[in-house]
Amino acid sequence: MTIHLNWKNAPTIKKVTCTNTDAKKFLVSNVLTVGKEYEVKNETEEFIFIVDNSGHVGGFYKSYFA
């Protein structure tokens, strides 16, 4: 399915604030800013899908947010 293609225009589920960008494997500091609030477009048990600093929807581990 292509449901993820419509997430950017989907209603915001909630808002979360980035608490850290301390990633072991991936560089996330270029698309997330500590202290910034982001709109959640979708959520799974492990990931949050937000509109990041690039303006695109990205999936991130929940451990980056409060």
PDB file of N, CA and C in Angstrom:
ATOM      1  N   MET A   1       0.835  -1.193   0.000  1.00  0.00           N
ATOM      2  CA  MET A   1       0.000   0.000   0.000  1.00  0.00           C
ATOM      3  C   MET A   1       0.873   1.247   0.000  1.00  0.00           C
ATOM      4  N   THR A   2       0.278   2.330  -0.336  1.00  0.00           N
ATOM      5  CA  THR A   2       1.011   3.598  -0.390  1.00  0.00           C
ATOM      6  C   THR A   2       0.476   4.600   0.625  1.00  0.00           C
ATOM      7  N   ILE A   3      -0.062   4.122   1.723  1.00  0.00           N
ATOM      8  CA  ILE A   3      -0.636   5.006   2.744  1.00  0.00           C
ATOM      9  C   ILE A   3       0.391   6.004   3.274  1.00  0.00           C
ATOM     10  N   HIS A   4       1.662   5.598   3.339  1.00  0.00           N
ATOM     11  CA  HIS A   4       2.710   6.493   3.864  1.00  0.00           C
ATOM     12  C   HIS A   4       2.915   7.718   2.984  1.00  0.00           C
ATOM     13  N   LEU A   5       2.500   7.670   1.728  1.00  0.00           N
ATOM     14  CA  LEU A   5       2.651   8.818   0.833  1.00  0.00           C
ATOM     15  C   LEU A   5       1.724   9.965   1.225  1.00  0.00           C
ATOM     16  N   ASN A   6       0.685   9.680   1.990  1.00  0.00           N
ATOM     17  CA  ASN A   6      -0.283  10.697   2.396  1.00  0.00           C
ATOM     18  C   ASN A   6      -0.068  11.197   3.825  1.00  0.00           C
ATOM     19  N   TRP A   7       0.928  10.679   4.532  1.00  0.00           N
ATOM     20  CA  TRP A   7       1.126  11.048   5.931  1.00  0.00           C
ATOM     21  C   TRP A   7       1.427  12.526   6.124  1.00  0.00           C
ATOM     22  N   LYS A   8       2.148  13.142   5.215  1.00  0.00           N
ATOM     23  CA  LYS A   8       2.513  14.551   5.390  1.00  0.00           C
ATOM     24  C   LYS A   8       1.272  15.439   5.480  1.00  0.00           C
ATOM     25  N   ASN A   9       0.247  15.093   4.726  1.00  0.00           N
ATOM     26  CA  ASN A   9      -0.986  15.883   4.717  1.00  0.00           C
ATOM     27  C   ASN A   9      -2.029  15.346   5.698  1.00  0.00           C
ATOM     28  N   ALA A  10      -1.706  14.275   6.387  1.00  0.00           N
ATOM     29  CA  ALA A  10      -2.640  13.676   7.348  1.00  0.00           C
ATOM     30  C   ALA A  10      -2.767  14.569   8.580  1.00  0.00           C
ATOM     31  N   PRO A  11      -3.887  14.441   9.289  1.00  0.00           N
ATOM     32  CA  PRO A  11      -4.033  15.221  10.522  1.00  0.00           C
ATOM     33  C   PRO A  11      -2.945  14.840  11.542  1.00  0.00           C
ATOM     34  N   THR A  12      -2.543  15.799  12.330  1.00  0.00           N
ATOM     35  CA  THR A  12      -1.544  15.552  13.368  1.00  0.00           C
ATOM     36  C   THR A  12      -2.183  14.779  14.508  1.00  0.00           C
ATOM     37  N   ILE A  13      -1.550  13.669  14.927  1.00  0.00           N
ATOM     38  CA  ILE A  13      -2.061  12.846  16.012  1.00  0.00           C
ATOM     39  C   ILE A  13      -1.791  13.517  17.351  1.00  0.00           C
ATOM     40  N   LYS A  14      -0.558  13.984  17.517  1.00  0.00           N
ATOM     41  CA  LYS A  14      -0.126  14.669  18.735  1.00  0.00           C
ATOM     42  C   LYS A  14       1.174  15.378  18.422  1.00  0.00           C
ATOM     43  N   LYS A  15       1.718  16.077  19.389  1.00  0.00           N
ATOM     44  CA  LYS A  15       3.009  16.733  19.231  1.00  0.00           C
ATOM     45  C   LYS A  15       3.971  16.175  20.261  1.00  0.00           C
ATOM     46  N   VAL A  16       5.237  16.032  19.856  1.00  0.00           N
ATOM     47  CA  VAL A  16       6.286  15.538  20.744  1.00  0.00           C
ATOM     48  C   VAL A  16       7.476  16.485  20.668  1.00  0.00           C
ATOM     49  N   THR A  17       8.276  16.489  21.711  1.00  0.00           N
ATOM     50  CA  THR A  17       9.467  17.330  21.757  1.00  0.00           C
ATOM     51  C   THR A  17      10.703  16.445  21.703  1.00  0.00           C
ATOM     52  N   CYS A  18      11.659  16.824  20.867  1.00  0.00           N
ATOM     53  CA  CYS A  18      12.914  16.085  20.753  1.00  0.00           C
ATOM     54  C   CYS A  18      13.746  16.336  22.014  1.00  0.00           C
ATOM     55  N   THR A  19      14.176  15.252  22.653  1.00  0.00           N
ATOM     56  CA  THR A  19      14.965  15.381  23.883  1.00  0.00           C
ATOM     57  C   THR A  19      16.442  15.099  23.678  1.00  0.00           C
ATOM     58  N   ASN A  20      16.788  14.392  22.591  1.00  0.00           N
ATOM     59  CA  ASN A  20      18.195  14.106  22.323  1.00  0.00           C
ATOM     60  C   ASN A  20      18.368  13.667  20.878  1.00  0.00           C
ATOM     61  N   THR A  21      19.590  13.740  20.408  1.00  0.00           N
ATOM     62  CA  THR A  21      19.935  13.252  19.065  1.00  0.00           C
ATOM     63  C   THR A  21      21.117  12.294  19.162  1.00  0.00           C
ATOM     64  N   ASP A  22      21.197  11.596  20.289  1.00  0.00           N
ATOM     65  CA  ASP A  22      22.301  10.675  20.556  1.00  0.00           C
ATOM     66  C   ASP A  22      22.023   9.321  19.910  1.00  0.00           C
ATOM     67  N   ALA A  23      22.406   9.184  18.665  1.00  0.00           N
ATOM     68  CA  ALA A  23      22.179   7.943  17.931  1.00  0.00           C
ATOM     69  C   ALA A  23      23.481   7.158  17.831  1.00  0.00           C
ATOM     70  N   LYS A  24      23.373   5.846  17.972  1.00  0.00           N
ATOM     71  CA  LYS A  24      24.558   4.997  17.880  1.00  0.00           C
ATOM     72  C   LYS A  24      24.918   4.664  16.442  1.00  0.00           C
ATOM     73  N   LYS A  25      23.923   4.426  15.604  1.00  0.00           N
ATOM     74  CA  LYS A  25      24.183   3.991  14.233  1.00  0.00           C
ATOM     75  C   LYS A  25      23.902   5.057  13.185  1.00  0.00           C
ATOM     76  N   PHE A  26      22.976   5.962  13.460  1.00  0.00           N
ATOM     77  CA  PHE A  26      22.496   6.875  12.439  1.00  0.00           C
ATOM     78  C   PHE A  26      22.751   8.322  12.814  1.00  0.00           C
ATOM     79  N   LEU A  27      22.893   9.189  11.833  1.00  0.00           N
ATOM     80  CA  LEU A  27      23.040  10.624  12.053  1.00  0.00           C
ATOM     81  C   LEU A  27      21.644  11.247  12.020  1.00  0.00           C
ATOM     82  N   VAL A  28      21.157  11.693  13.172  1.00  0.00           N
ATOM     83  CA  VAL A  28      19.830  12.298  13.216  1.00  0.00           C
ATOM     84  C   VAL A  28      19.883  13.789  13.550  1.00  0.00           C
ATOM     85  N   SER A  29      21.031  14.279  13.964  1.00  0.00           N
ATOM     86  CA  SER A  29      21.135  15.689  14.345  1.00  0.00           C
ATOM     87  C   SER A  29      20.957  16.636  13.158  1.00  0.00           C
ATOM     88  N   ASN A  30      21.033  16.117  11.939  1.00  0.00           N
ATOM     89  CA  ASN A  30      20.818  16.975  10.767  1.00  0.00           C
ATOM     90  C   ASN A  30      19.335  17.118  10.426  1.00  0.00           C
ATOM     91  N   VAL A  31      18.452  16.310  11.041  1.00  0.00           N
ATOM     92  CA  VAL A  31      17.018  16.415  10.762  1.00  0.00           C
ATOM     93  C   VAL A  31      16.172  16.605  12.019  1.00  0.00           C
ATOM     94  N   LEU A  32      16.788  16.512  13.195  1.00  0.00           N
ATOM     95  CA  LEU A  32      16.093  16.754  14.454  1.00  0.00           C
ATOM     96  C   LEU A  32      16.846  17.808  15.250  1.00  0.00           C
ATOM     97  N   THR A  33      16.102  18.620  16.001  1.00  0.00           N
ATOM     98  CA  THR A  33      16.690  19.645  16.850  1.00  0.00           C
ATOM     99  C   THR A  33      16.210  19.434  18.274  1.00  0.00           C
ATOM    100  N   VAL A  34      17.137  19.312  19.205  1.00  0.00           N
ATOM    101  CA  VAL A  34      16.787  19.128  20.614  1.00  0.00           C
ATOM    102  C   VAL A  34      15.986  20.340  21.084  1.00  0.00           C
ATOM    103  N   GLY A  35      14.861  20.071  21.753  1.00  0.00           N
ATOM    104  CA  GLY A  35      14.001  21.136  22.262  1.00  0.00           C
ATOM    105  C   GLY A  35      12.900  21.556  21.313  1.00  0.00           C
ATOM    106  N   LYS A  36      12.964  21.130  20.064  1.00  0.00           N
ATOM    107  CA  LYS A  36      11.951  21.497  19.082  1.00  0.00           C
ATOM    108  C   LYS A  36      10.764  20.544  19.156  1.00  0.00           C
ATOM    109  N   GLU A  37       9.579  21.079  18.946  1.00  0.00           N
ATOM    110  CA  GLU A  37       8.353  20.285  18.957  1.00  0.00           C
ATOM    111  C   GLU A  37       8.025  19.853  17.525  1.00  0.00           C
ATOM    112  N   TYR A  38       7.634  18.594  17.373  1.00  0.00           N
ATOM    113  CA  TYR A  38       7.329  18.026  16.060  1.00  0.00           C
ATOM    114  C   TYR A  38       5.924  17.443  16.043  1.00  0.00           C
ATOM    115  N   GLU A  39       5.283  17.483  14.880  1.00  0.00           N
ATOM    116  CA  GLU A  39       3.951  16.934  14.688  1.00  0.00           C
ATOM    117  C   GLU A  39       4.045  15.448  14.354  1.00  0.00           C
ATOM    118  N   VAL A  40       3.351  14.623  15.121  1.00  0.00           N
ATOM    119  CA  VAL A  40       3.330  13.179  14.883  1.00  0.00           C
ATOM    120  C   VAL A  40       2.241  12.872  13.864  1.00  0.00           C
ATOM    121  N   LYS A  41       2.630  12.209  12.780  1.00  0.00           N
ATOM    122  CA  LYS A  41       1.697  11.848  11.721  1.00  0.00           C
ATOM    123  C   LYS A  41       1.263  10.394  11.790  1.00  0.00           C
ATOM    124  N   ASN A  42       2.109   9.546  12.378  1.00  0.00           N
ATOM    125  CA  ASN A  42       1.784   8.132  12.559  1.00  0.00           C
ATOM    126  C   ASN A  42       2.694   7.593  13.660  1.00  0.00           C
ATOM    127  N   GLU A  43       2.287   6.482  14.250  1.00  0.00           N
ATOM    128  CA  GLU A  43       3.058   5.928  15.359  1.00  0.00           C
ATOM    129  C   GLU A  43       2.901   4.414  15.384  1.00  0.00           C
ATOM    130  N   THR A  44       3.997   3.734  15.683  1.00  0.00           N
ATOM    131  CA  THR A  44       3.969   2.295  15.901  1.00  0.00           C
ATOM    132  C   THR A  44       4.495   2.045  17.312  1.00  0.00           C
ATOM    133  N   GLU A  45       4.631   0.802  17.662  1.00  0.00           N
ATOM    134  CA  GLU A  45       5.123   0.480  18.998  1.00  0.00           C
ATOM    135  C   GLU A  45       6.547   0.987  19.227  1.00  0.00           C
ATOM    136  N   GLU A  46       7.364   0.990  18.176  1.00  0.00           N
ATOM    137  CA  GLU A  46       8.774   1.350  18.294  1.00  0.00           C
ATOM    138  C   GLU A  46       9.140   2.703  17.685  1.00  0.00           C
ATOM    139  N   PHE A  47       8.374   3.157  16.684  1.00  0.00           N
ATOM    140  CA  PHE A  47       8.730   4.359  15.927  1.00  0.00           C
ATOM    141  C   PHE A  47       7.654   5.430  15.980  1.00  0.00           C
ATOM    142  N   ILE A  48       8.104   6.676  15.800  1.00  0.00           N
ATOM    143  CA  ILE A  48       7.226   7.824  15.620  1.00  0.00           C
ATOM    144  C   ILE A  48       7.552   8.399  14.243  1.00  0.00           C
ATOM    145  N   PHE A  49       6.532   8.700  13.479  1.00  0.00           N
ATOM    146  CA  PHE A  49       6.709   9.290  12.157  1.00  0.00           C
ATOM    147  C   PHE A  49       6.290  10.750  12.239  1.00  0.00           C
ATOM    148  N   ILE A  50       7.265  11.642  12.004  1.00  0.00           N
ATOM    149  CA  ILE A  50       7.063  13.081  12.163  1.00  0.00           C
ATOM    150  C   ILE A  50       7.477  13.818  10.896  1.00  0.00           C
ATOM    151  N   VAL A  51       7.046  15.069  10.807  1.00  0.00           N
ATOM    152  CA  VAL A  51       7.574  15.961   9.773  1.00  0.00           C
ATOM    153  C   VAL A  51       8.841  16.559  10.381  1.00  0.00           C
ATOM    154  N   ASP A  52      10.008  16.140   9.850  1.00  0.00           N
ATOM    155  CA  ASP A  52      11.285  16.556  10.441  1.00  0.00           C
ATOM    156  C   ASP A  52      11.762  17.887   9.873  1.00  0.00           C
ATOM    157  N   ASN A  53      12.981  18.291  10.217  1.00  0.00           N
ATOM    158  CA  ASN A  53      13.527  19.580   9.785  1.00  0.00           C
ATOM    159  C   ASN A  53      13.665  19.710   8.272  1.00  0.00           C
ATOM    160  N   SER A  54      13.705  18.589   7.562  1.00  0.00           N
ATOM    161  CA  SER A  54      13.820  18.643   6.095  1.00  0.00           C
ATOM    162  C   SER A  54      12.473  18.908   5.439  1.00  0.00           C
ATOM    163  N   GLY A  55      11.391  18.844   6.230  1.00  0.00           N
ATOM    164  CA  GLY A  55      10.055  19.054   5.684  1.00  0.00           C
ATOM    165  C   GLY A  55       9.399  17.775   5.181  1.00  0.00           C
ATOM    166  N   HIS A  56      10.081  16.659   5.357  1.00  0.00           N
ATOM    167  CA  HIS A  56       9.555  15.366   4.928  1.00  0.00           C
ATOM    168  C   HIS A  56       9.181  14.534   6.150  1.00  0.00           C
ATOM    169  N   VAL A  57       8.327  13.541   5.936  1.00  0.00           N
ATOM    170  CA  VAL A  57       7.975  12.631   7.020  1.00  0.00           C
ATOM    171  C   VAL A  57       9.093  11.616   7.181  1.00  0.00           C
ATOM    172  N   GLY A  58       9.581  11.476   8.396  1.00  0.00           N
ATOM    173  CA  GLY A  58      10.626  10.508   8.693  1.00  0.00           C
ATOM    174  C   GLY A  58      10.245   9.689   9.904  1.00  0.00           C
ATOM    175  N   GLY A  59      10.733   8.464   9.962  1.00  0.00           N
ATOM    176  CA  GLY A  59      10.477   7.579  11.093  1.00  0.00           C
ATOM    177  C   GLY A  59      11.674   7.558  12.020  1.00  0.00           C
ATOM    178  N   PHE A  60      11.429   7.759  13.310  1.00  0.00           N
ATOM    179  CA  PHE A  60      12.488   7.817  14.302  1.00  0.00           C
ATOM    180  C   PHE A  60      12.107   6.983  15.519  1.00  0.00           C
ATOM    181  N   TYR A  61      13.118   6.435  16.194  1.00  0.00           N
ATOM    182  CA  TYR A  61      12.868   5.716  17.432  1.00  0.00           C
ATOM    183  C   TYR A  61      12.227   6.660  18.443  1.00  0.00           C
ATOM    184  N   LYS A  62      11.334   6.130  19.237  1.00  0.00           N
ATOM    185  CA  LYS A  62      10.645   6.953  20.250  1.00  0.00           C
ATOM    186  C   LYS A  62      11.597   7.493  21.303  1.00  0.00           C
ATOM    187  N   SER A  63      12.775   6.881  21.445  1.00  0.00           N
ATOM    188  CA  SER A  63      13.726   7.309  22.466  1.00  0.00           C
ATOM    189  C   SER A  63      14.267   8.729  22.250  1.00  0.00           C
ATOM    190  N   TYR A  64      14.022   9.312  21.087  1.00  0.00           N
ATOM    191  CA  TYR A  64      14.484  10.673  20.815  1.00  0.00           C
ATOM    192  C   TYR A  64      13.497  11.738  21.318  1.00  0.00           C
ATOM    193  N   PHE A  65      12.326  11.295  21.785  1.00  0.00           N
ATOM    194  CA  PHE A  65      11.250  12.241  22.090  1.00  0.00           C
ATOM    195  C   PHE A  65      10.668  12.039  23.479  1.00  0.00           C
ATOM    196  N   ALA A  66      10.012  13.119  23.944  1.00  0.00           N
ATOM    197  CA  ALA A  66       9.271  13.053  25.214  1.00  0.00           C
ATOM    198  C   ALA A  66       7.815  13.345  24.931  1.00  0.00           C
TER     199      ALA A  66
END
